[in-house]
Amino acid sequence: MQNIDTLIHAKWLIPIEPAATVYENYSIAIDKGRILALLPSNEADTQYHANEIHRLDNHALLPGLINTHGHAAMTLMRGLADDLPLMTWLNEHIWPTEAKWVSNEFVYDGSLIACAEMLRGGTTCFTDMYFFPEEVARAAEQAHIRASVGLIVINFPSAYAQDADDYLRKGLALHDQLRGNPLIKTSFAPHAPYTVSDEALQKINTLAEELDIPIQIHLHETEDEVNQAVTDTGLRPIERLEKSGFLSSRLIAVHMTQLTNEDIQTLTTHGVQIAHCPESNLKLASGFCPLQKLIDAGINVALGTDGAASNNDLDMFSEMRTAALLAKAVAKNASAVSAEQALRMATINGAKALGLEKEIGSLETGKAADIIAVDLSALETQPMYNPLSQLVYAANRQQVSDVWVAGTHVVKQHQLTTLDTEQLCQTAHQWQQKINS
């Protein structure tokens, strides 16, 4: 009998790969932070002696969810300016608040709260785009959550940096600092084509190739953005980026609500990947991403929540459901974007977008043990015909009972083990008082 760190027995195991697979009465053996084996529970008990054994008789085990786009620190602006158009929301509320309050402390506190919320809801990896990315990384390390920290670039000054070169210099220093970190990676994060110059985009493209890291950018988020770009440059933003050689398989294009068939063909040609944020797009009335068309074109589409200031939560279960339902309405096809496709968008597709598909995104031997357990015994998820479908269309994040990141038990029976929830609530309240003053 082999000695290992952890053995988890569950009613169902949904590995994501092979696709559309559900194992019943299955177990995961974990050792040194990695998945050692997936096997029937009766075999696991005879093969392994574990330091920790978890018997989750009413649960489904699945890979940790991957939030492929967000602004973690913006949890401190949750509910600050609701029910407003995007540019009014940004120009009159969000940007003035950021100008007054964003600092190392603001970003660290907001990011720590976001990490706690995401872990409690089954998200084990997130991508961020915000100022003071060093503080995002520090918060993620403290929470023991996996992250791709965005090295923000924007052409105007902020409390963080003075110009594009200053942003890049600080970003590269952080990349060097995080080199070799097992949980925290980096990606370049130019804000948008309308806030970053061609010169800066070309520098980012060259550096991303040299460092072999992804790039994330807000793109074709609203009709106004596209129309203004055509007025200013004579080109749609995608055309401008293609002309400058910026489109590639390392690019994660965020939002993408304004797409023609020609745009989709361009994205396919260059292997661009997409982070779809359906609830934020709906709340800001930004438009509808043609999700089924993108899938049909062979484009890798992942899921993101965007920031809590425009969502207003970091709930990937809700995002999966909304993505599937909205796609059906947009495509006028009830078969569009199945539950299984939505779950893949929240797991393996996100891993592929981040270049981490060999490490996370599915439950496979040798991969990191990023695992969540969802209790499906509640009345709201009964009767149980199809656990995979039930996870997307009926379950909610409150049913996530346990979470492991790289084999570390970070949520145990609904309780965070790395962070103090009560203290984080106090921190949020203190920031609310400051910002309201």
Protein backbone atom coordinates (compact mmCIF):
# COMPACT_ATOMS: atom_id res chain seq x y z
CA MET A 1 0.00 0.00 0.00
CA GLN A 2 1.44 3.38 -1.06
CA ASN A 3 1.66 6.29 1.40
CA ILE A 4 0.34 9.58 0.00
CA ASP A 5 -0.74 12.99 1.26
CA THR A 6 -4.47 13.06 0.47
CA LEU A 7 -7.24 10.79 -0.75
CA ILE A 8 -10.62 12.27 -1.71
CA HIS A 9 -13.60 9.98 -2.25
CA ALA A 10 -16.68 11.43 -3.95
CA LYS A 11 -20.03 10.44 -5.39
CA TRP A 12 -19.13 11.90 -8.79
CA LEU A 13 -15.92 12.97 -10.47
CA ILE A 14 -16.05 15.24 -13.53
CA PRO A 15 -12.53 15.38 -14.99
CA ILE A 16 -13.34 17.65 -18.01
CA GLU A 17 -10.92 15.52 -20.04
CA PRO A 18 -12.06 13.17 -21.55
CA ALA A 19 -14.91 15.47 -22.59
CA ALA A 20 -18.44 14.91 -21.25
CA THR A 21 -17.22 12.27 -18.80
CA VAL A 22 -18.77 11.65 -15.38
CA TYR A 23 -17.33 8.96 -13.10
CA GLU A 24 -19.44 7.65 -10.22
CA ASN A 25 -18.03 6.58 -6.83
CA TYR A 26 -14.55 7.73 -7.76
CA SER A 27 -11.51 9.00 -5.90
CA ILE A 28 -8.51 11.26 -6.42
CA ALA A 29 -5.12 10.41 -4.94
CA ILE A 30 -2.92 13.46 -4.29
CA ASP A 31 0.74 13.59 -3.37
CA LYS A 32 3.15 16.54 -3.24
CA GLY A 33 0.51 18.86 -4.66
CA ARG A 34 -0.21 16.81 -7.76
CA ILE A 35 -2.81 14.31 -8.91
CA LEU A 36 -1.34 10.85 -8.57
CA ALA A 37 -4.34 8.83 -9.77
CA LEU A 38 -8.07 8.85 -10.52
CA LEU A 39 -9.67 5.52 -9.75
CA PRO A 40 -12.80 3.80 -8.39
CA SER A 41 -13.18 4.37 -4.66
CA ASN A 42 -13.13 0.67 -3.78
CA GLU A 43 -9.74 0.34 -5.48
CA ALA A 44 -8.36 3.52 -3.89
CA ASP A 45 -8.89 2.21 -0.38
CA THR A 46 -6.79 -0.86 -1.11
CA GLN A 47 -3.99 0.91 -2.99
CA TYR A 48 -3.30 4.01 -0.87
CA HIS A 49 -2.69 4.94 2.73
CA ALA A 50 -3.29 8.70 3.01
CA ASN A 51 -2.39 11.22 5.70
CA GLU A 52 -5.77 12.87 5.05
CA ILE A 53 -8.89 11.08 3.84
CA HIS A 54 -12.05 12.93 2.78
CA ARG A 55 -15.29 11.08 2.14
CA LEU A 56 -17.65 13.32 0.21
CA ASP A 57 -20.58 11.05 -0.45
CA ASN A 58 -22.92 13.74 -1.83
CA HIS A 59 -20.38 15.73 -3.80
CA ALA A 60 -19.06 16.21 -7.30
CA LEU A 61 -15.32 16.77 -7.69
CA LEU A 62 -14.16 18.92 -10.59
CA PRO A 63 -11.19 21.06 -11.49
CA GLY A 64 -11.00 24.48 -9.88
CA LEU A 65 -12.70 27.17 -11.96
CA ILE A 66 -10.55 29.67 -13.88
CA ASN A 67 -11.66 33.31 -14.00
CA THR A 68 -9.97 34.56 -17.16
CA HIS A 69 -10.64 38.26 -16.75
CA GLY A 70 -11.08 40.58 -13.83
CA HIS A 71 -9.92 43.56 -11.80
CA ALA A 72 -9.65 42.13 -8.30
CA ALA A 73 -9.10 45.38 -6.40
CA MET A 74 -12.38 46.77 -7.78
CA THR A 75 -14.24 44.70 -5.20
CA LEU A 76 -13.86 47.88 -3.08
CA MET A 77 -16.13 49.64 -5.61
CA ARG A 78 -18.80 46.95 -5.69
CA GLY A 79 -22.18 48.68 -6.01
CA LEU A 80 -20.65 52.16 -6.08
CA ALA A 81 -22.23 53.26 -9.37
CA ASP A 82 -24.83 50.85 -10.69
CA ASP A 83 -27.21 51.01 -13.65
CA LEU A 84 -25.19 53.45 -15.78
CA PRO A 85 -23.84 53.31 -19.36
CA LEU A 86 -20.20 52.25 -19.64
CA MET A 87 -18.60 55.61 -20.44
CA THR A 88 -20.73 57.46 -17.85
CA TRP A 89 -19.85 54.78 -15.32
CA LEU A 90 -16.15 55.10 -16.13
CA ASN A 91 -15.77 58.86 -16.67
CA GLU A 92 -18.01 60.16 -13.91
CA HIS A 93 -17.66 57.52 -11.21
CA ILE A 94 -15.00 54.81 -11.50
CA TRP A 95 -12.06 56.82 -12.84
CA PRO A 96 -12.56 59.73 -10.39
CA THR A 97 -12.77 57.26 -7.48
CA GLU A 98 -9.62 55.52 -8.69
CA ALA A 99 -7.80 58.83 -9.10
CA LYS A 100 -8.55 59.70 -5.48
CA TRP A 101 -8.11 56.36 -3.75
CA VAL A 102 -6.04 53.84 -5.70
CA SER A 103 -2.83 53.04 -3.84
CA ASN A 104 -0.76 50.05 -2.74
CA GLU A 105 -3.08 49.62 0.24
CA PHE A 106 -6.28 49.91 -1.83
CA VAL A 107 -5.12 47.29 -4.33
CA TYR A 108 -3.85 44.86 -1.70
CA ASP A 109 -7.00 45.07 0.44
CA GLY A 110 -9.37 44.86 -2.51
CA SER A 111 -7.46 41.98 -4.07
CA LEU A 112 -7.38 40.02 -0.81
CA ILE A 113 -11.16 40.35 -0.50
CA ALA A 114 -11.52 39.23 -4.12
CA CYS A 115 -9.27 36.21 -3.55
CA ALA A 116 -11.38 35.18 -0.58
CA GLU A 117 -14.61 35.53 -2.56
CA MET A 118 -13.23 33.57 -5.50
CA LEU A 119 -11.87 30.72 -3.39
CA ARG A 120 -15.15 30.40 -1.47
CA GLY A 121 -16.94 30.15 -4.82
CA GLY A 122 -14.68 27.50 -6.33
CA THR A 123 -12.34 29.68 -8.39
CA THR A 124 -8.76 28.50 -7.97
CA CYS A 125 -7.08 30.63 -10.66
CA PHE A 126 -7.74 34.17 -11.83
CA THR A 127 -6.36 36.67 -14.31
CA ASP A 128 -6.04 40.28 -13.25
CA MET A 129 -5.61 43.64 -14.94
CA TYR A 130 -5.08 46.56 -12.57
CA PHE A 131 -2.71 49.10 -11.11
CA PHE A 132 -0.08 48.03 -8.53
CA PRO A 133 0.07 44.43 -9.78
CA GLU A 134 2.73 43.75 -7.14
CA GLU A 135 -0.02 44.04 -4.52
CA VAL A 136 -2.29 41.68 -6.47
CA ALA A 137 0.51 39.12 -6.46
CA ARG A 138 1.10 39.63 -2.73
CA ALA A 139 -2.60 39.10 -1.98
CA ALA A 140 -2.78 36.00 -4.18
CA GLU A 141 0.25 34.50 -2.44
CA GLN A 142 -1.27 35.12 0.97
CA ALA A 143 -4.57 33.53 -0.08
CA HIS A 144 -2.77 30.62 -1.79
CA ILE A 145 -4.71 31.06 -5.02
CA ARG A 146 -3.26 30.66 -8.49
CA ALA A 147 -3.06 33.87 -10.54
CA SER A 148 -1.92 35.39 -13.82
CA VAL A 149 -1.11 38.93 -12.74
CA GLY A 150 -1.55 41.53 -15.48
CA LEU A 151 1.35 43.89 -16.11
CA ILE A 152 -0.85 46.91 -16.76
CA VAL A 153 0.04 49.40 -19.52
CA ILE A 154 -1.89 52.55 -20.27
CA ASN A 155 -0.81 55.79 -21.93
CA PHE A 156 -1.84 58.21 -19.21
CA PRO A 157 -0.36 58.73 -15.75
CA SER A 158 -1.80 57.22 -12.59
CA ALA A 159 -0.79 56.79 -8.98
CA TYR A 160 1.16 53.74 -10.17
CA ALA A 161 3.16 54.99 -13.17
CA GLN A 162 3.74 58.06 -15.32
CA ASP A 163 3.67 56.79 -18.90
CA ALA A 164 3.74 53.59 -20.96
CA ASP A 165 7.48 53.13 -20.51
CA ASP A 166 7.16 53.51 -16.74
CA TYR A 167 4.37 50.92 -16.64
CA LEU A 168 6.49 48.53 -18.70
CA ARG A 169 9.59 49.06 -16.56
CA LYS A 170 7.66 48.26 -13.38
CA GLY A 171 5.90 45.34 -15.01
CA LEU A 172 9.13 43.76 -16.16
CA ALA A 173 10.60 44.13 -12.68
CA LEU A 174 7.58 42.27 -11.25
CA HIS A 175 7.89 39.57 -13.90
CA ASP A 176 11.51 39.01 -12.87
CA GLN A 177 10.54 38.97 -9.20
CA LEU A 178 7.88 36.29 -9.79
CA ARG A 179 10.04 34.11 -12.02
CA GLY A 180 9.83 30.55 -10.74
CA ASN A 181 6.82 31.21 -8.49
CA PRO A 182 4.74 28.01 -8.64
CA LEU A 183 1.35 29.76 -8.33
CA ILE A 184 1.76 33.33 -9.63
CA LYS A 185 2.47 33.98 -13.31
CA THR A 186 2.33 37.18 -15.36
CA SER A 187 0.72 38.44 -18.55
CA PHE A 188 0.98 41.79 -20.28
CA ALA A 189 -2.20 43.83 -19.83
CA PRO A 190 -2.47 46.82 -22.16
CA HIS A 191 -5.82 48.32 -21.19
CA ALA A 192 -7.41 48.85 -24.63
CA PRO A 193 -6.53 50.06 -28.14
CA TYR A 194 -8.01 53.49 -27.33
CA THR A 195 -5.78 53.96 -24.26
CA VAL A 196 -2.51 52.45 -25.54
CA SER A 197 -0.47 53.75 -28.48
CA ASP A 198 0.76 51.68 -31.43
CA GLU A 199 4.33 52.21 -30.24
CA ALA A 200 3.55 50.78 -26.79
CA LEU A 201 1.61 47.86 -28.29
CA GLN A 202 4.58 46.97 -30.50
CA LYS A 203 6.92 46.99 -27.49
CA ILE A 204 4.50 44.75 -25.56
CA ASN A 205 4.21 42.34 -28.49
CA THR A 206 7.99 42.00 -28.76
CA LEU A 207 8.44 41.53 -25.01
CA ALA A 208 5.62 38.98 -24.77
CA GLU A 209 7.28 36.87 -27.46
CA GLU A 210 10.66 37.12 -25.73
CA LEU A 211 9.24 36.20 -22.31
CA ASP A 212 6.67 33.73 -23.70
CA ILE A 213 3.74 35.11 -21.69
CA PRO A 214 0.15 35.96 -22.71
CA ILE A 215 -1.29 39.38 -23.49
CA GLN A 216 -4.77 40.44 -22.42
CA ILE A 217 -6.59 43.51 -23.78
CA HIS A 218 -10.13 44.90 -23.71
CA LEU A 219 -11.26 44.76 -27.34
CA HIS A 220 -14.48 45.52 -29.22
CA GLU A 221 -16.24 45.97 -25.90
CA THR A 222 -18.87 48.46 -27.11
CA GLU A 223 -20.30 49.81 -30.35
CA ASP A 224 -19.09 53.31 -29.42
CA GLU A 225 -15.50 52.04 -29.06
CA VAL A 226 -15.55 50.57 -32.56
CA ASN A 227 -17.25 53.59 -34.12
CA GLN A 228 -14.83 56.01 -32.48
CA ALA A 229 -11.87 53.96 -33.69
CA VAL A 230 -13.16 54.07 -37.26
CA THR A 231 -13.62 57.83 -36.98
CA ASP A 232 -10.13 58.35 -35.53
CA THR A 233 -8.10 55.85 -37.55
CA GLY A 234 -10.27 54.63 -40.40
CA LEU A 235 -9.91 51.11 -39.03
CA ARG A 236 -11.87 48.87 -36.71
CA PRO A 237 -9.73 48.04 -33.64
CA ILE A 238 -9.21 44.44 -34.80
CA GLU A 239 -8.04 45.72 -38.19
CA ARG A 240 -5.62 48.11 -36.52
CA LEU A 241 -4.19 45.36 -34.32
CA GLU A 242 -3.86 42.99 -37.27
CA LYS A 243 -2.06 45.65 -39.29
CA SER A 244 0.44 46.14 -36.48
CA GLY A 245 1.08 42.39 -36.10
CA PHE A 246 -0.49 42.32 -32.63
CA LEU A 247 -2.93 39.45 -33.23
CA SER A 248 -1.62 36.02 -32.25
CA SER A 249 -2.43 32.93 -30.23
CA ARG A 250 -0.90 34.52 -27.12
CA LEU A 251 -3.52 37.32 -27.24
CA ILE A 252 -6.60 37.09 -24.97
CA ALA A 253 -9.19 39.51 -26.33
CA VAL A 254 -11.67 40.50 -23.62
CA HIS A 255 -15.41 41.17 -24.17
CA MET A 256 -15.68 41.06 -28.00
CA THR A 257 -19.33 42.03 -28.20
CA GLN A 258 -19.06 43.81 -31.59
CA LEU A 259 -17.96 41.25 -34.15
CA THR A 260 -18.65 40.88 -37.85
CA ASN A 261 -18.16 37.63 -39.73
CA GLU A 262 -14.97 39.17 -41.16
CA ASP A 263 -13.71 39.92 -37.63
CA ILE A 264 -14.33 36.31 -36.62
CA GLN A 265 -12.40 35.07 -39.65
CA THR A 266 -9.49 37.36 -38.71
CA LEU A 267 -9.49 36.02 -35.14
CA THR A 268 -9.51 32.44 -36.44
CA THR A 269 -6.64 33.12 -38.83
CA HIS A 270 -4.42 34.41 -36.03
CA GLY A 271 -5.53 31.98 -33.31
CA VAL A 272 -6.68 34.78 -30.99
CA GLN A 273 -8.34 33.61 -27.78
CA ILE A 274 -11.32 35.27 -26.10
CA ALA A 275 -12.33 35.97 -22.52
CA HIS A 276 -16.12 36.20 -22.50
CA CYS A 277 -17.68 38.24 -19.64
CA PRO A 278 -21.43 37.83 -20.19
CA GLU A 279 -22.77 39.32 -16.95
CA SER A 280 -20.63 42.46 -17.07
CA ASN A 281 -21.53 42.92 -20.74
CA LEU A 282 -25.21 42.64 -19.85
CA LYS A 283 -25.03 44.97 -16.86
CA LEU A 284 -23.26 47.70 -18.85
CA ALA A 285 -25.42 47.05 -21.95
CA SER A 286 -22.22 46.61 -23.94
CA GLY A 287 -23.68 44.12 -26.40
CA PHE A 288 -23.74 40.40 -27.09
CA CYS A 289 -20.71 38.26 -27.83
CA PRO A 290 -21.69 35.80 -30.63
CA LEU A 291 -20.48 32.85 -28.59
CA GLN A 292 -21.76 29.97 -30.68
CA LYS A 293 -20.32 31.52 -33.86
CA LEU A 294 -16.93 31.75 -32.18
CA ILE A 295 -17.09 28.13 -31.02
CA ASP A 296 -18.15 27.03 -34.50
CA ALA A 297 -15.14 28.90 -35.90
CA GLY A 298 -12.82 26.90 -33.65
CA ILE A 299 -11.86 29.83 -31.43
CA ASN A 300 -10.94 29.07 -27.82
CA VAL A 301 -13.36 30.99 -25.59
CA ALA A 302 -12.84 31.20 -21.83
CA LEU A 303 -14.98 32.82 -19.14
CA GLY A 304 -14.37 35.82 -16.91
CA THR A 305 -16.39 37.82 -14.43
CA ASP A 306 -14.77 41.23 -15.05
CA GLY A 307 -14.51 43.36 -11.91
CA ALA A 308 -17.02 43.40 -9.07
CA ALA A 309 -17.77 47.05 -9.83
CA SER A 310 -19.55 46.01 -13.05
CA ASN A 311 -20.91 42.55 -12.30
CA ASN A 312 -21.28 42.80 -9.15
CA ASP A 313 -19.81 39.51 -8.03
CA LEU A 314 -16.95 37.13 -8.85
CA ASP A 315 -19.22 34.11 -9.21
CA MET A 316 -18.12 31.71 -11.93
CA PHE A 317 -21.11 29.40 -11.39
CA SER A 318 -23.42 32.26 -12.24
CA GLU A 319 -21.20 33.20 -15.18
CA MET A 320 -21.39 29.67 -16.62
CA ARG A 321 -25.16 29.66 -16.43
CA THR A 322 -25.51 33.11 -17.96
CA ALA A 323 -23.06 32.26 -20.74
CA ALA A 324 -25.01 29.17 -21.73
CA LEU A 325 -28.45 30.76 -21.53
CA LEU A 326 -27.48 33.99 -23.28
CA ALA A 327 -25.74 32.10 -26.08
CA LYS A 328 -28.94 30.18 -26.79
CA ALA A 329 -30.93 33.40 -27.08
CA VAL A 330 -28.34 35.13 -29.27
CA ALA A 331 -28.01 32.10 -31.57
CA LYS A 332 -31.78 31.48 -31.46
CA ASN A 333 -30.90 27.86 -30.87
CA ALA A 334 -31.65 25.93 -27.67
CA SER A 335 -28.81 23.54 -28.47
CA ALA A 336 -26.19 26.29 -28.57
CA VAL A 337 -23.49 26.21 -25.85
CA SER A 338 -24.33 23.13 -23.82
CA ALA A 339 -23.72 22.79 -20.09
CA GLU A 340 -20.62 20.78 -20.89
CA GLN A 341 -19.28 23.55 -23.15
CA ALA A 342 -19.95 26.16 -20.48
CA LEU A 343 -18.05 24.09 -17.91
CA ARG A 344 -15.14 23.69 -20.31
CA MET A 345 -15.09 27.47 -20.80
CA ALA A 346 -14.70 27.87 -17.03
CA THR A 347 -11.93 25.26 -16.76
CA ILE A 348 -9.76 23.85 -19.54
CA ASN A 349 -10.45 26.69 -22.00
CA GLY A 350 -9.24 29.21 -19.42
CA ALA A 351 -6.14 27.11 -18.83
CA LYS A 352 -5.44 27.05 -22.58
CA ALA A 353 -5.87 30.83 -22.85
CA LEU A 354 -3.26 31.30 -20.12
CA GLY A 355 -0.89 28.69 -21.52
CA LEU A 356 -1.44 26.55 -18.41
CA GLU A 357 -3.35 23.62 -19.90
CA LYS A 358 -0.57 21.19 -18.98
CA GLU A 359 -0.84 22.26 -15.35
CA ILE A 360 -4.52 22.98 -14.58
CA GLY A 361 -8.02 22.99 -16.09
CA SER A 362 -8.79 19.28 -15.88
CA LEU A 363 -8.36 16.42 -13.44
CA GLU A 364 -5.62 14.32 -14.98
CA THR A 365 -2.71 12.35 -13.58
CA GLY A 366 0.34 14.56 -13.17
CA LYS A 367 -1.53 17.87 -13.14
CA ALA A 368 -1.64 20.21 -10.18
CA ALA A 369 -4.26 19.24 -7.60
CA ASP A 370 -6.52 22.29 -8.08
CA ILE A 371 -9.84 20.67 -7.12
CA ILE A 372 -13.24 21.77 -5.87
CA ALA A 373 -15.99 19.75 -4.21
CA VAL A 374 -19.61 20.76 -4.79
CA ASP A 375 -22.30 19.38 -2.49
CA LEU A 376 -25.22 18.37 -4.70
CA SER A 377 -27.42 16.97 -1.93
CA ALA A 378 -29.46 20.18 -1.52
CA LEU A 379 -33.13 20.22 -2.47
CA GLU A 380 -32.28 22.81 -5.14
CA THR A 381 -30.13 20.27 -6.99
CA GLN A 382 -32.49 17.29 -6.71
CA PRO A 383 -33.46 15.01 -8.35
CA MET A 384 -30.12 14.12 -9.93
CA TYR A 385 -30.32 13.00 -13.53
CA ASN A 386 -27.10 14.56 -14.84
CA PRO A 387 -24.57 16.02 -12.37
CA LEU A 388 -22.66 17.86 -15.08
CA SER A 389 -25.78 19.65 -16.28
CA GLN A 390 -26.90 20.25 -12.70
CA LEU A 391 -23.64 22.06 -11.90
CA VAL A 392 -24.27 24.63 -14.63
CA TYR A 393 -28.04 25.07 -14.54
CA ALA A 394 -29.00 24.52 -10.89
CA ALA A 395 -26.01 24.59 -8.52
CA ASN A 396 -24.59 27.77 -6.99
CA ARG A 397 -21.31 28.81 -5.43
CA GLN A 398 -22.65 28.37 -1.89
CA GLN A 399 -22.61 24.63 -2.55
CA VAL A 400 -18.81 24.62 -2.89
CA SER A 401 -17.73 22.98 0.35
CA ASP A 402 -14.03 22.31 -0.16
CA VAL A 403 -11.26 23.70 -2.34
CA TRP A 404 -7.68 22.56 -2.88
CA VAL A 405 -5.01 24.58 -4.69
CA ALA A 406 -1.85 22.64 -5.54
CA GLY A 407 -2.98 20.09 -2.96
CA THR A 408 -3.39 22.64 -0.15
CA HIS A 409 -6.82 22.59 1.49
CA VAL A 410 -7.70 26.31 1.24
CA VAL A 411 -11.46 25.98 1.86
CA LYS A 412 -12.48 23.30 4.35
CA GLN A 413 -16.19 22.68 4.93
CA HIS A 414 -16.99 26.19 3.64
CA GLN A 415 -14.34 27.89 5.80
CA LEU A 416 -11.24 29.61 4.44
CA THR A 417 -8.05 28.23 5.93
CA THR A 418 -5.67 30.94 4.64
CA LEU A 419 -7.67 34.12 5.27
CA ASP A 420 -9.82 35.64 8.03
CA THR A 421 -13.31 36.33 6.62
CA GLU A 422 -14.37 38.51 9.54
CA GLN A 423 -11.28 40.69 9.21
CA LEU A 424 -11.85 41.06 5.47
CA CYS A 425 -15.43 42.23 6.09
CA GLN A 426 -14.09 44.85 8.49
CA THR A 427 -11.57 46.00 5.88
CA ALA A 428 -14.33 46.33 3.26
CA HIS A 429 -16.42 48.39 5.68
CA GLN A 430 -13.50 50.70 6.43
CA TRP A 431 -12.96 51.37 2.72
CA GLN A 432 -16.67 52.01 2.22
CA GLN A 433 -16.54 54.68 4.91
CA LYS A 434 -13.46 56.29 3.33
CA ILE A 435 -14.83 56.33 -0.19
CA ASN A 436 -18.24 57.63 0.98
CA SER A 437 -16.66 60.42 3.03
